[in-house]
Protein backbone atom coordinates (compact mmCIF):
# COMPACT_ATOMS: atom_id res chain seq x y z
CA UNK A 1 0.00 0.00 0.00
CA UNK A 2 2.80 2.42 0.88
CA UNK A 3 4.41 1.73 -2.48
CA UNK A 4 1.16 2.54 -4.30
CA UNK A 5 0.76 5.83 -2.39
CA UNK A 6 4.34 6.85 -3.17
CA UNK A 7 4.02 6.06 -6.86
CA UNK A 8 0.64 7.80 -7.18
CA UNK A 9 2.02 10.81 -5.28
CA UNK A 10 4.84 11.02 -7.81
CA UNK A 11 2.34 10.95 -10.67
CA UNK A 12 0.21 13.59 -8.93
CA UNK A 13 3.28 15.77 -8.41
CA UNK A 14 4.16 15.58 -12.09
CA UNK A 15 0.53 16.37 -12.98
CA UNK A 16 0.49 19.43 -10.66
CA UNK A 17 3.79 20.69 -12.07
CA UNK A 18 2.54 20.24 -15.63
CA UNK A 19 -0.74 21.98 -14.80
CA UNK A 20 1.04 24.96 -13.23
CA UNK A 21 3.34 25.27 -16.23
CA UNK A 22 0.27 25.32 -18.49
CA UNK A 23 -1.34 28.04 -16.31
CA UNK A 24 1.87 30.06 -16.44
CA UNK A 25 2.15 29.63 -20.22
CA UNK A 26 -1.44 30.80 -20.73
CA UNK A 27 -0.78 33.87 -18.60
CA UNK A 28 2.31 34.70 -20.64
CA UNK A 29 0.47 34.22 -23.93
CA UNK A 30 -2.39 36.46 -22.78
CA UNK A 31 0.03 38.96 -21.28
CA UNK A 32 -1.81 38.92 -18.00
CA UNK A 33 -0.73 38.13 -14.49
CA UNK A 34 -1.92 34.76 -13.18
CA UNK A 35 -4.26 35.30 -10.25
CA UNK A 36 -4.45 33.22 -7.10
CA UNK A 37 -7.55 31.29 -8.20
CA UNK A 38 -5.77 30.04 -11.32
CA UNK A 39 -2.84 28.82 -9.23
CA UNK A 40 -5.21 27.07 -6.81
CA UNK A 41 -7.21 25.43 -9.60
CA UNK A 42 -3.98 24.38 -11.36
CA UNK A 43 -2.81 22.75 -8.14
CA UNK A 44 -5.98 21.23 -6.69
CA UNK A 45 -7.52 19.74 -9.85
CA UNK A 46 -4.54 17.54 -10.73
CA UNK A 47 -4.32 16.40 -7.11
CA UNK A 48 -8.01 15.49 -7.00
CA UNK A 49 -7.88 13.65 -10.33
CA UNK A 50 -4.34 12.31 -10.86
CA UNK A 51 -3.64 11.01 -7.36
CA UNK A 52 -6.70 8.74 -6.88
CA UNK A 53 -6.74 7.73 -10.56
CA UNK A 54 -3.07 6.72 -10.56
CA UNK A 55 -3.46 4.99 -7.18
CA UNK A 56 -6.32 2.91 -8.63
CA UNK A 57 -4.31 2.03 -11.74
CA UNK A 58 -1.25 1.04 -9.70
CA UNK A 59 -3.40 -1.03 -7.32
CA UNK A 60 -5.01 -2.90 -10.22
CA UNK A 61 -1.60 -3.45 -11.80
CA UNK A 62 -0.24 -4.91 -8.57
CA UNK A 63 -3.28 -7.18 -8.26
CA UNK A 64 -2.73 -8.43 -11.80
CA UNK A 65 0.96 -9.06 -11.10
CA UNK A 66 0.12 -10.95 -7.91
CA UNK A 67 -2.56 -12.96 -9.71
CA UNK A 68 -0.10 -13.81 -12.49
CA UNK A 69 2.53 -14.85 -9.94
CA UNK A 70 0.00 -17.01 -8.08
CA UNK A 71 -1.10 -18.63 -11.33
CA UNK A 72 2.51 -19.32 -12.30
CA UNK A 73 3.16 -20.87 -8.88
CA UNK A 74 0.00 -22.98 -9.11
CA UNK A 75 0.97 -24.09 -12.62
CA UNK A 76 4.42 -25.15 -11.40
CA UNK A 77 2.89 -27.07 -8.49
CA UNK A 78 0.42 -28.79 -10.81
CA UNK A 79 3.24 -29.72 -13.19
CA UNK A 80 5.22 -31.28 -10.32
CA UNK A 81 2.13 -33.15 -9.11
CA UNK A 82 1.43 -34.37 -12.65
CA UNK A 83 4.99 -35.63 -13.04
CA UNK A 84 4.78 -37.43 -9.69
CA UNK A 85 1.45 -39.04 -10.57
CA UNK A 86 2.71 -40.00 -14.01
CA UNK A 87 5.87 -41.49 -12.53
CA UNK A 88 3.88 -43.33 -9.85
CA UNK A 89 1.51 -44.74 -12.47
CA UNK A 90 4.45 -46.12 -14.44
CA UNK A 91 6.16 -47.79 -11.46
CA UNK A 92 5.70 -51.03 -9.61
CA UNK A 93 4.61 -50.06 -6.10
CA UNK A 94 6.77 -52.61 -4.32
CA UNK A 95 10.10 -52.48 -6.15
CA UNK A 96 10.06 -49.00 -7.71
CA UNK A 97 10.96 -50.52 -11.08
CA UNK A 98 8.89 -49.86 -14.19
CA UNK A 99 5.67 -51.85 -14.28
CA UNK A 100 5.07 -54.22 -17.19
CA UNK A 101 3.36 -51.72 -19.50
CA UNK A 102 5.88 -48.93 -18.90
CA UNK A 103 8.86 -51.27 -19.25
CA UNK A 104 7.72 -52.50 -22.64
CA UNK A 105 7.03 -48.92 -23.76
CA UNK A 106 10.58 -47.93 -22.77
CA UNK A 107 11.93 -51.07 -24.41
CA UNK A 108 10.09 -50.36 -27.66
CA UNK A 109 11.67 -46.91 -28.01
CA UNK A 110 15.07 -47.81 -26.55
CA UNK A 111 15.82 -50.83 -28.72
CA UNK A 112 15.37 -48.77 -31.87
CA UNK A 113 17.68 -45.99 -30.74
CA UNK A 114 20.65 -47.88 -29.32
CA UNK A 115 20.01 -51.61 -29.62
CA UNK A 116 21.14 -53.88 -26.83
CA UNK A 117 20.08 -57.01 -24.99
CA UNK A 118 16.96 -58.05 -23.12
CA UNK A 119 17.27 -60.14 -19.96
CA UNK A 120 14.30 -61.90 -18.38
CA UNK A 121 15.01 -62.81 -14.76
CA UNK A 122 12.80 -65.29 -12.92
CA UNK A 123 13.02 -66.16 -9.21
CA UNK A 124 13.57 -69.90 -8.79
CA UNK A 125 11.14 -71.96 -6.66
CA UNK A 126 9.34 -68.81 -5.59
CA UNK A 127 6.00 -70.55 -5.16
CA UNK A 128 7.59 -72.78 -2.53
CA UNK A 129 8.66 -69.69 -0.54
CA UNK A 130 5.13 -68.27 -0.66
CA UNK A 131 3.59 -71.61 0.28
CA UNK A 132 6.04 -72.27 3.13
CA UNK A 133 6.42 -68.80 4.67
CA UNK A 134 3.52 -66.71 3.38
CA UNK A 135 3.16 -63.91 0.86
CA UNK A 136 4.63 -61.20 3.09
CA UNK A 137 7.84 -63.19 3.35
CA UNK A 138 7.68 -63.75 -0.39
CA UNK A 139 7.46 -59.98 -0.88
CA UNK A 140 10.57 -59.53 1.26
CA UNK A 141 12.40 -62.01 -0.95
CA UNK A 142 11.30 -60.16 -4.09
CA UNK A 143 12.55 -56.86 -2.67
CA UNK A 144 15.94 -58.41 -1.95
CA UNK A 145 16.11 -59.83 -5.47
CA UNK A 146 15.08 -56.47 -6.98
CA UNK A 147 17.82 -54.72 -4.98
CA UNK A 148 20.38 -57.26 -6.19
CA UNK A 149 19.34 -56.65 -9.80
CA UNK A 150 19.66 -52.88 -9.35
CA UNK A 151 23.17 -53.29 -7.93
CA UNK A 152 24.28 -55.48 -10.80
CA UNK A 153 23.16 -53.48 -13.83
CA UNK A 154 24.63 -50.29 -15.26
CA UNK A 155 23.32 -46.81 -14.61
CA UNK A 156 21.48 -46.31 -17.90
CA UNK A 157 19.83 -49.73 -18.14
CA UNK A 158 16.04 -50.04 -17.90
CA UNK A 159 14.51 -52.32 -15.26
CA UNK A 160 10.98 -53.61 -14.87
CA UNK A 161 8.90 -56.03 -12.89
CA UNK A 162 6.88 -57.76 -15.59
CA UNK A 163 5.25 -60.51 -13.54
CA UNK A 164 4.77 -61.74 -10.00
CA UNK A 165 8.32 -63.05 -9.57
CA UNK A 166 9.61 -62.11 -13.01
CA UNK A 167 11.85 -59.13 -13.76
CA UNK A 168 13.36 -57.76 -16.94
CA UNK A 169 16.34 -55.61 -17.83
CA UNK A 170 17.16 -53.96 -21.13
CA UNK A 171 20.90 -53.35 -21.45
CA UNK A 172 21.43 -50.52 -23.90
CA UNK A 173 24.18 -51.13 -26.45
CA UNK A 174 25.27 -54.42 -24.85
CA UNK A 175 26.67 -57.18 -27.04
CA UNK A 176 26.44 -60.88 -26.15
CA UNK A 177 29.58 -60.84 -24.03
CA UNK A 178 28.54 -57.76 -22.04
CA UNK A 179 24.98 -59.03 -21.60
CA UNK A 180 26.25 -62.39 -20.34
CA UNK A 181 28.64 -60.67 -17.91
CA UNK A 182 25.88 -58.49 -16.44
CA UNK A 183 23.41 -61.38 -16.28
CA UNK A 184 25.97 -63.50 -14.44
CA UNK A 185 26.58 -60.62 -12.04
CA UNK A 186 22.84 -60.48 -11.33
CA UNK A 187 22.74 -64.23 -10.73
CA UNK A 188 25.71 -64.03 -8.37
CA UNK A 189 24.33 -61.04 -6.44
CA UNK A 190 21.07 -62.90 -5.84
CA UNK A 191 22.84 -66.11 -4.83
CA UNK A 192 24.85 -64.19 -2.21
CA UNK A 193 21.69 -62.89 -0.47
CA UNK A 194 21.40 -64.09 3.13
CA UNK A 195 17.64 -64.48 3.39
CA UNK A 196 16.61 -65.70 6.83
CA UNK A 197 12.81 -65.59 7.21
CA UNK A 198 12.95 -68.14 10.05
CA UNK A 199 15.69 -69.89 11.98
CA UNK A 200 17.51 -71.01 8.86
CA UNK A 201 18.75 -69.34 5.69
CA UNK A 202 16.54 -69.81 2.63
CA UNK A 203 18.51 -69.90 -0.59
CA UNK A 204 17.47 -67.43 -3.27
CA UNK A 205 18.46 -67.95 -6.90
CA UNK A 206 17.31 -66.75 -10.30
CA UNK A 207 17.30 -68.13 -13.81
CA UNK A 208 18.04 -65.67 -16.61
CA UNK A 209 17.32 -65.82 -20.32
CA UNK A 210 18.71 -63.16 -22.62
CA UNK A 211 18.41 -62.19 -26.25
CA UNK A 212 20.18 -59.60 -28.38
CA UNK A 213 18.12 -57.14 -30.35
CA UNK A 214 18.55 -57.67 -34.07
CA UNK A 215 17.69 -55.01 -36.63
CA UNK A 216 13.99 -54.97 -37.58
CA UNK A 217 13.22 -57.38 -34.72
CA UNK A 218 9.77 -56.85 -33.20
CA UNK A 219 9.20 -56.59 -29.47
CA UNK A 220 7.30 -59.89 -29.53
CA UNK A 221 10.19 -61.62 -31.29
CA UNK A 222 12.71 -60.23 -28.82
CA UNK A 223 10.58 -61.32 -25.86
CA UNK A 224 10.03 -64.77 -27.36
CA UNK A 225 13.75 -65.22 -27.91
CA UNK A 226 14.58 -64.27 -24.31
CA UNK A 227 11.70 -66.40 -23.00
CA UNK A 228 12.98 -69.47 -24.84
CA UNK A 229 16.40 -69.06 -23.25
CA UNK A 230 14.82 -68.56 -19.82
CA UNK A 231 12.83 -71.76 -20.31
CA UNK A 232 16.03 -73.56 -21.27
CA UNK A 233 17.79 -72.23 -18.15
CA UNK A 234 14.91 -73.55 -16.03
CA UNK A 235 14.97 -76.90 -17.83
CA UNK A 236 18.69 -77.31 -17.18
CA UNK A 237 18.28 -77.00 -13.44
CA UNK A 238 17.82 -73.27 -12.67
CA UNK A 239 20.32 -70.79 -11.17
CA UNK A 240 21.59 -70.48 -14.72
CA UNK A 241 22.25 -67.76 -17.31
CA UNK A 242 21.66 -68.30 -21.02
CA UNK A 243 22.18 -65.38 -23.40
CA UNK A 244 21.98 -66.41 -27.04
CA UNK A 245 24.36 -69.38 -27.26
CA UNK A 246 26.32 -68.56 -24.08
CA UNK A 247 25.81 -70.57 -20.89
CA UNK A 248 27.04 -69.56 -17.45
CA UNK A 249 26.15 -71.19 -14.13
CA UNK A 250 27.38 -71.60 -10.59
CA UNK A 251 30.21 -74.05 -10.18
């Protein structure tokens, strides 16, 4: 308010000065002395008109600025909330990885840009853990496996939980050797987990099937190729990595 009064007073002062100069100029043109009434009118009229009018204009301008600032702040808050909701909708609630739909969407765009390898990671004998210790204990095991996967992959790789106990990783730009090395690191990280839901340690292992993206390969073909290798890893006894023709397992 004080700022508005000061600014409007400045405008009123300029208006009074201008008015008095006009009165003086008229007196000079007419060759007559300016009487007291003319000086009073030249002073009072601008004060009565310019001061309240300019104060109103400045007040409205400040209100518009404040409204614009509030709208900008609200827009920024809505944008943040939208990003959070969008991110939450694309994530698996338990592990924080992409959910199935979002993972495949990221995979569809990523494989075209940089190529790479798809790993499908399945927890071995997971139904037995759920049946023996309950679903809450099973969830704890899945969280430990998810953490092991995150530790083993590279920073730019995309991770997703695509099924109950099934995870996936797309390794950007990885060739067969690199994909096998990372898959084996995942398998080892999981095998080293000390999972003790009761008095004894329950062994956690994963089987991993991997496939390299080939040019013009569809998402379904890539998934089918990785799935076939995962099935083969399961068939050969689990706790096994198969990427294309490579086989790696615990000694």
